[in-house]
Amino acid sequence: MATGRNKLPDFFSEDGIDPVESATGKRQPHTEDSATSAGKAAKTGLSPKKKAGFYLSLEILERFNRKFYELKLAGIPIDNKSALLELALAFALDDIDKGAKSRVLHRLGR
């Protein structure tokens, strides 16, 4: 019979699995829940953020890092790499929305 000591994570939770909690079995104190985070983001005009995981080629990653630091050295007011990537992705998605005139779709062979 299982004791209540080692509770299994809720795999259907909206928050996902906390890696620290999974590794140590200890619950981490949450400073704010996702609803509070979304509420704060709405008040500041920022979108709520979520970590994304995907792979990039080494060439693109090195180019991205180099460009980020070039912009910083040039005095361009860019907060962090996430802000630059989000902006670049927004431009790419806007371009895809152009349909037949899209440079991204052209590169994909469409």
N, C-alpha and C. Protein backbone atom coordinates (compact mmCIF):
# COMPACT_ATOMS: atom_id res chain seq x y z
N MET A 1 0.85 -1.18 0.00
CA MET A 1 0.00 0.00 0.00
C MET A 1 0.89 1.24 0.00
N ALA A 2 0.56 2.16 -0.83
CA ALA A 2 1.36 3.38 -0.96
C ALA A 2 1.04 4.36 0.16
N THR A 3 2.08 4.99 0.63
CA THR A 3 1.87 6.05 1.61
C THR A 3 1.67 7.35 0.86
N GLY A 4 1.19 8.37 1.51
CA GLY A 4 0.97 9.66 0.87
C GLY A 4 2.26 10.44 0.67
N ARG A 5 3.38 9.85 1.08
CA ARG A 5 4.65 10.57 1.07
C ARG A 5 5.14 10.89 -0.35
N ASN A 6 5.08 9.95 -1.25
CA ASN A 6 5.58 10.15 -2.62
C ASN A 6 4.42 10.26 -3.59
N LYS A 7 3.84 11.43 -3.69
CA LYS A 7 2.71 11.63 -4.58
C LYS A 7 3.20 11.74 -6.02
N LEU A 8 2.47 11.15 -6.92
CA LEU A 8 2.79 11.25 -8.34
C LEU A 8 2.39 12.62 -8.86
N PRO A 9 3.13 13.15 -9.83
CA PRO A 9 2.74 14.44 -10.38
C PRO A 9 1.43 14.31 -11.17
N ASP A 10 0.72 15.41 -11.25
CA ASP A 10 -0.52 15.45 -12.02
C ASP A 10 -0.15 15.66 -13.48
N PHE A 11 -0.18 14.59 -14.27
CA PHE A 11 0.24 14.67 -15.66
C PHE A 11 -0.72 15.48 -16.53
N PHE A 12 -1.91 15.74 -16.04
CA PHE A 12 -2.89 16.49 -16.81
C PHE A 12 -3.01 17.94 -16.35
N SER A 13 -2.12 18.35 -15.50
CA SER A 13 -2.11 19.72 -14.99
C SER A 13 -1.76 20.69 -16.11
N GLU A 14 -2.33 21.87 -16.07
CA GLU A 14 -2.03 22.91 -17.07
C GLU A 14 -0.62 23.45 -16.91
N ASP A 15 -0.04 23.33 -15.72
CA ASP A 15 1.27 23.89 -15.45
C ASP A 15 2.41 23.01 -15.89
N GLY A 16 2.15 21.75 -16.19
CA GLY A 16 3.22 20.84 -16.57
C GLY A 16 3.95 20.30 -15.36
N ILE A 17 5.01 19.56 -15.61
CA ILE A 17 5.76 18.93 -14.54
C ILE A 17 6.95 19.81 -14.18
N ASP A 18 7.12 20.03 -12.89
CA ASP A 18 8.26 20.80 -12.40
C ASP A 18 9.46 19.87 -12.32
N PRO A 19 10.54 20.15 -13.08
CA PRO A 19 11.68 19.23 -13.08
C PRO A 19 12.35 19.11 -11.71
N VAL A 20 12.38 20.18 -10.92
CA VAL A 20 12.98 20.11 -9.59
C VAL A 20 12.14 19.21 -8.69
N GLU A 21 10.84 19.38 -8.77
CA GLU A 21 9.93 18.56 -7.97
C GLU A 21 10.04 17.10 -8.39
N SER A 22 10.15 16.84 -9.68
CA SER A 22 10.27 15.47 -10.17
C SER A 22 11.56 14.82 -9.71
N ALA A 23 12.65 15.58 -9.71
CA ALA A 23 13.95 15.03 -9.33
C ALA A 23 14.09 14.84 -7.83
N THR A 24 13.55 15.77 -7.06
CA THR A 24 13.76 15.72 -5.60
C THR A 24 12.57 15.18 -4.83
N GLY A 25 11.40 15.19 -5.44
CA GLY A 25 10.20 14.76 -4.74
C GLY A 25 9.65 15.82 -3.80
N LYS A 26 10.30 17.00 -3.78
CA LYS A 26 9.86 18.09 -2.91
C LYS A 26 9.08 19.11 -3.72
N ARG A 27 8.02 19.58 -3.16
CA ARG A 27 7.23 20.63 -3.81
C ARG A 27 7.93 21.96 -3.67
N GLN A 28 8.03 22.70 -4.77
CA GLN A 28 8.61 24.03 -4.76
C GLN A 28 7.51 25.05 -4.48
N PRO A 29 7.78 26.05 -3.67
CA PRO A 29 6.75 27.07 -3.43
C PRO A 29 6.53 27.87 -4.70
N HIS A 30 5.27 28.00 -5.09
CA HIS A 30 4.93 28.77 -6.28
C HIS A 30 4.67 30.20 -5.88
N THR A 31 5.37 31.13 -6.54
CA THR A 31 5.20 32.53 -6.20
C THR A 31 3.93 33.10 -6.83
N GLU A 32 3.56 32.56 -7.97
CA GLU A 32 2.33 33.01 -8.62
C GLU A 32 1.83 31.91 -9.52
N ASP A 33 0.53 31.79 -9.66
CA ASP A 33 0.01 30.78 -10.56
C ASP A 33 -0.11 31.35 -11.96
N SER A 34 -0.43 30.50 -12.92
CA SER A 34 -0.46 30.97 -14.30
C SER A 34 -1.56 32.00 -14.53
N ALA A 35 -2.65 31.94 -13.78
CA ALA A 35 -3.71 32.94 -13.94
C ALA A 35 -3.20 34.31 -13.50
N THR A 36 -2.47 34.33 -12.39
CA THR A 36 -1.91 35.60 -11.91
C THR A 36 -0.90 36.13 -12.91
N SER A 37 -0.07 35.24 -13.44
CA SER A 37 0.93 35.63 -14.42
C SER A 37 0.27 36.21 -15.67
N ALA A 38 -0.79 35.57 -16.13
CA ALA A 38 -1.51 36.07 -17.30
C ALA A 38 -2.15 37.42 -17.01
N GLY A 39 -2.67 37.58 -15.79
CA GLY A 39 -3.27 38.85 -15.40
C GLY A 39 -2.26 39.97 -15.39
N LYS A 40 -1.06 39.70 -14.85
CA LYS A 40 0.00 40.71 -14.84
C LYS A 40 0.44 41.06 -16.25
N ALA A 41 0.53 40.04 -17.11
CA ALA A 41 0.93 40.28 -18.49
C ALA A 41 -0.09 41.16 -19.20
N ALA A 42 -1.37 40.94 -18.92
CA ALA A 42 -2.41 41.75 -19.55
C ALA A 42 -2.33 43.20 -19.10
N LYS A 43 -2.01 43.42 -17.82
CA LYS A 43 -1.91 44.78 -17.29
C LYS A 43 -0.72 45.53 -17.87
N THR A 44 0.39 44.82 -18.12
CA THR A 44 1.59 45.48 -18.63
C THR A 44 1.60 45.55 -20.15
N GLY A 45 0.64 44.88 -20.80
CA GLY A 45 0.59 44.90 -22.26
C GLY A 45 1.47 43.84 -22.90
N LEU A 46 2.08 42.98 -22.09
CA LEU A 46 2.93 41.92 -22.61
C LEU A 46 2.14 40.62 -22.70
N SER A 47 2.53 39.77 -23.63
CA SER A 47 1.90 38.46 -23.73
C SER A 47 2.46 37.54 -22.66
N PRO A 48 1.65 36.62 -22.17
CA PRO A 48 2.20 35.64 -21.25
C PRO A 48 3.25 34.80 -21.99
N LYS A 49 4.27 34.36 -21.29
CA LYS A 49 5.37 33.63 -21.91
C LYS A 49 5.32 32.16 -21.53
N LYS A 50 5.82 31.32 -22.43
CA LYS A 50 5.93 29.90 -22.17
C LYS A 50 7.21 29.42 -22.82
N LYS A 51 7.98 28.64 -22.11
CA LYS A 51 9.24 28.12 -22.64
C LYS A 51 8.95 27.16 -23.78
N ALA A 52 9.72 27.29 -24.86
CA ALA A 52 9.56 26.42 -26.02
C ALA A 52 10.83 25.61 -26.20
N GLY A 53 10.68 24.39 -26.59
CA GLY A 53 11.85 23.55 -26.80
C GLY A 53 11.88 23.01 -28.22
N PHE A 54 12.92 23.34 -28.96
CA PHE A 54 13.10 22.82 -30.31
C PHE A 54 14.57 22.93 -30.65
N TYR A 55 14.97 22.30 -31.72
CA TYR A 55 16.37 22.27 -32.11
C TYR A 55 16.64 23.25 -33.23
N LEU A 56 17.83 23.86 -33.19
CA LEU A 56 18.30 24.76 -34.23
C LEU A 56 19.64 24.24 -34.73
N SER A 57 19.92 24.47 -36.00
CA SER A 57 21.23 24.07 -36.51
C SER A 57 22.29 24.93 -35.83
N LEU A 58 23.49 24.37 -35.70
CA LEU A 58 24.58 25.12 -35.06
C LEU A 58 24.87 26.40 -35.82
N GLU A 59 24.78 26.35 -37.14
CA GLU A 59 25.04 27.54 -37.96
C GLU A 59 24.06 28.67 -37.64
N ILE A 60 22.78 28.34 -37.57
CA ILE A 60 21.76 29.35 -37.26
C ILE A 60 21.92 29.86 -35.84
N LEU A 61 22.19 28.96 -34.91
CA LEU A 61 22.36 29.36 -33.51
C LEU A 61 23.55 30.30 -33.34
N GLU A 62 24.66 29.97 -33.97
CA GLU A 62 25.85 30.84 -33.89
C GLU A 62 25.59 32.18 -34.56
N ARG A 63 24.91 32.15 -35.69
CA ARG A 63 24.58 33.40 -36.40
C ARG A 63 23.65 34.27 -35.55
N PHE A 64 22.66 33.63 -34.93
CA PHE A 64 21.72 34.35 -34.08
C PHE A 64 22.44 34.99 -32.90
N ASN A 65 23.29 34.22 -32.21
CA ASN A 65 24.03 34.74 -31.06
C ASN A 65 24.94 35.90 -31.48
N ARG A 66 25.63 35.73 -32.59
CA ARG A 66 26.53 36.79 -33.09
C ARG A 66 25.74 38.06 -33.39
N LYS A 67 24.59 37.91 -34.05
CA LYS A 67 23.77 39.08 -34.40
C LYS A 67 23.24 39.76 -33.15
N PHE A 68 22.83 38.98 -32.16
CA PHE A 68 22.33 39.55 -30.92
C PHE A 68 23.39 40.45 -30.29
N TYR A 69 24.62 39.95 -30.18
CA TYR A 69 25.68 40.73 -29.55
C TYR A 69 26.11 41.91 -30.42
N GLU A 70 26.05 41.77 -31.73
CA GLU A 70 26.33 42.91 -32.62
C GLU A 70 25.32 44.02 -32.38
N LEU A 71 24.06 43.67 -32.24
CA LEU A 71 23.01 44.67 -31.98
C LEU A 71 23.23 45.34 -30.63
N LYS A 72 23.58 44.55 -29.62
CA LYS A 72 23.85 45.11 -28.29
C LYS A 72 25.01 46.10 -28.34
N LEU A 73 26.10 45.70 -29.04
CA LEU A 73 27.27 46.58 -29.14
C LEU A 73 26.97 47.84 -29.95
N ALA A 74 26.03 47.74 -30.89
CA ALA A 74 25.65 48.89 -31.70
C ALA A 74 24.70 49.83 -30.95
N GLY A 75 24.30 49.44 -29.74
CA GLY A 75 23.43 50.29 -28.94
C GLY A 75 21.96 50.12 -29.24
N ILE A 76 21.59 49.09 -29.97
CA ILE A 76 20.17 48.83 -30.26
C ILE A 76 19.51 48.36 -28.96
N PRO A 77 18.39 48.97 -28.58
CA PRO A 77 17.75 48.62 -27.30
C PRO A 77 16.99 47.29 -27.37
N ILE A 78 17.72 46.19 -27.33
CA ILE A 78 17.10 44.86 -27.32
C ILE A 78 17.30 44.27 -25.94
N ASP A 79 16.23 43.85 -25.29
CA ASP A 79 16.30 43.38 -23.91
C ASP A 79 17.09 42.08 -23.76
N ASN A 80 16.72 41.08 -24.55
CA ASN A 80 17.35 39.77 -24.41
C ASN A 80 17.17 38.97 -25.69
N LYS A 81 17.76 37.79 -25.71
CA LYS A 81 17.68 36.94 -26.90
C LYS A 81 16.25 36.50 -27.18
N SER A 82 15.48 36.28 -26.14
CA SER A 82 14.08 35.87 -26.34
C SER A 82 13.31 36.95 -27.08
N ALA A 83 13.55 38.21 -26.74
CA ALA A 83 12.85 39.31 -27.41
C ALA A 83 13.23 39.37 -28.89
N LEU A 84 14.52 39.16 -29.19
CA LEU A 84 14.96 39.17 -30.58
C LEU A 84 14.36 38.01 -31.35
N LEU A 85 14.36 36.83 -30.76
CA LEU A 85 13.80 35.66 -31.43
C LEU A 85 12.30 35.82 -31.65
N GLU A 86 11.60 36.36 -30.66
CA GLU A 86 10.16 36.56 -30.80
C GLU A 86 9.86 37.54 -31.93
N LEU A 87 10.65 38.60 -32.02
CA LEU A 87 10.46 39.57 -33.09
C LEU A 87 10.74 38.95 -34.46
N ALA A 88 11.83 38.18 -34.56
CA ALA A 88 12.18 37.53 -35.83
C ALA A 88 11.10 36.53 -36.24
N LEU A 89 10.57 35.79 -35.28
CA LEU A 89 9.51 34.83 -35.59
C LEU A 89 8.24 35.54 -36.03
N ALA A 90 7.93 36.66 -35.40
CA ALA A 90 6.74 37.43 -35.80
C ALA A 90 6.88 37.90 -37.24
N PHE A 91 8.08 38.37 -37.61
CA PHE A 91 8.32 38.79 -38.99
C PHE A 91 8.14 37.62 -39.95
N ALA A 92 8.69 36.46 -39.59
CA ALA A 92 8.59 35.27 -40.45
C ALA A 92 7.12 34.85 -40.61
N LEU A 93 6.37 34.86 -39.51
CA LEU A 93 4.96 34.47 -39.59
C LEU A 93 4.14 35.47 -40.40
N ASP A 94 4.46 36.77 -40.25
CA ASP A 94 3.78 37.78 -41.07
C ASP A 94 4.09 37.56 -42.54
N ASP A 95 5.33 37.19 -42.84
CA ASP A 95 5.71 36.93 -44.23
C ASP A 95 4.96 35.72 -44.78
N ILE A 96 4.82 34.66 -43.98
CA ILE A 96 4.10 33.46 -44.43
C ILE A 96 2.65 33.80 -44.74
N ASP A 97 2.08 34.74 -43.98
CA ASP A 97 0.69 35.15 -44.21
C ASP A 97 0.50 35.84 -45.56
N LYS A 98 1.58 36.25 -46.20
CA LYS A 98 1.48 36.91 -47.51
C LYS A 98 1.14 35.94 -48.64
N GLY A 99 1.20 34.67 -48.34
CA GLY A 99 0.84 33.67 -49.35
C GLY A 99 1.88 33.54 -50.44
N ALA A 100 1.45 33.72 -51.69
CA ALA A 100 2.33 33.53 -52.84
C ALA A 100 3.52 34.49 -52.86
N LYS A 101 3.40 35.63 -52.20
CA LYS A 101 4.49 36.61 -52.16
C LYS A 101 5.47 36.35 -51.01
N SER A 102 5.25 35.30 -50.25
CA SER A 102 6.05 35.01 -49.07
C SER A 102 7.45 34.52 -49.43
N ARG A 103 8.46 35.16 -48.86
CA ARG A 103 9.84 34.72 -49.06
C ARG A 103 10.11 33.43 -48.31
N VAL A 104 9.47 33.27 -47.14
CA VAL A 104 9.65 32.04 -46.36
C VAL A 104 9.07 30.86 -47.12
N LEU A 105 7.86 30.99 -47.63
CA LEU A 105 7.25 29.90 -48.39
C LEU A 105 8.07 29.59 -49.64
N HIS A 106 8.63 30.62 -50.26
CA HIS A 106 9.48 30.43 -51.43
C HIS A 106 10.71 29.57 -51.07
N ARG A 107 11.30 29.85 -49.91
CA ARG A 107 12.46 29.07 -49.45
C ARG A 107 12.08 27.62 -49.13
N LEU A 108 10.83 27.43 -48.70
CA LEU A 108 10.35 26.07 -48.40
C LEU A 108 9.96 25.32 -49.67
N GLY A 109 10.05 26.00 -50.81
CA GLY A 109 9.72 25.35 -52.08
C GLY A 109 8.26 25.39 -52.44
N ARG A 110 7.54 26.34 -51.92
CA ARG A 110 6.10 26.44 -52.20
C ARG A 110 5.82 27.59 -53.12
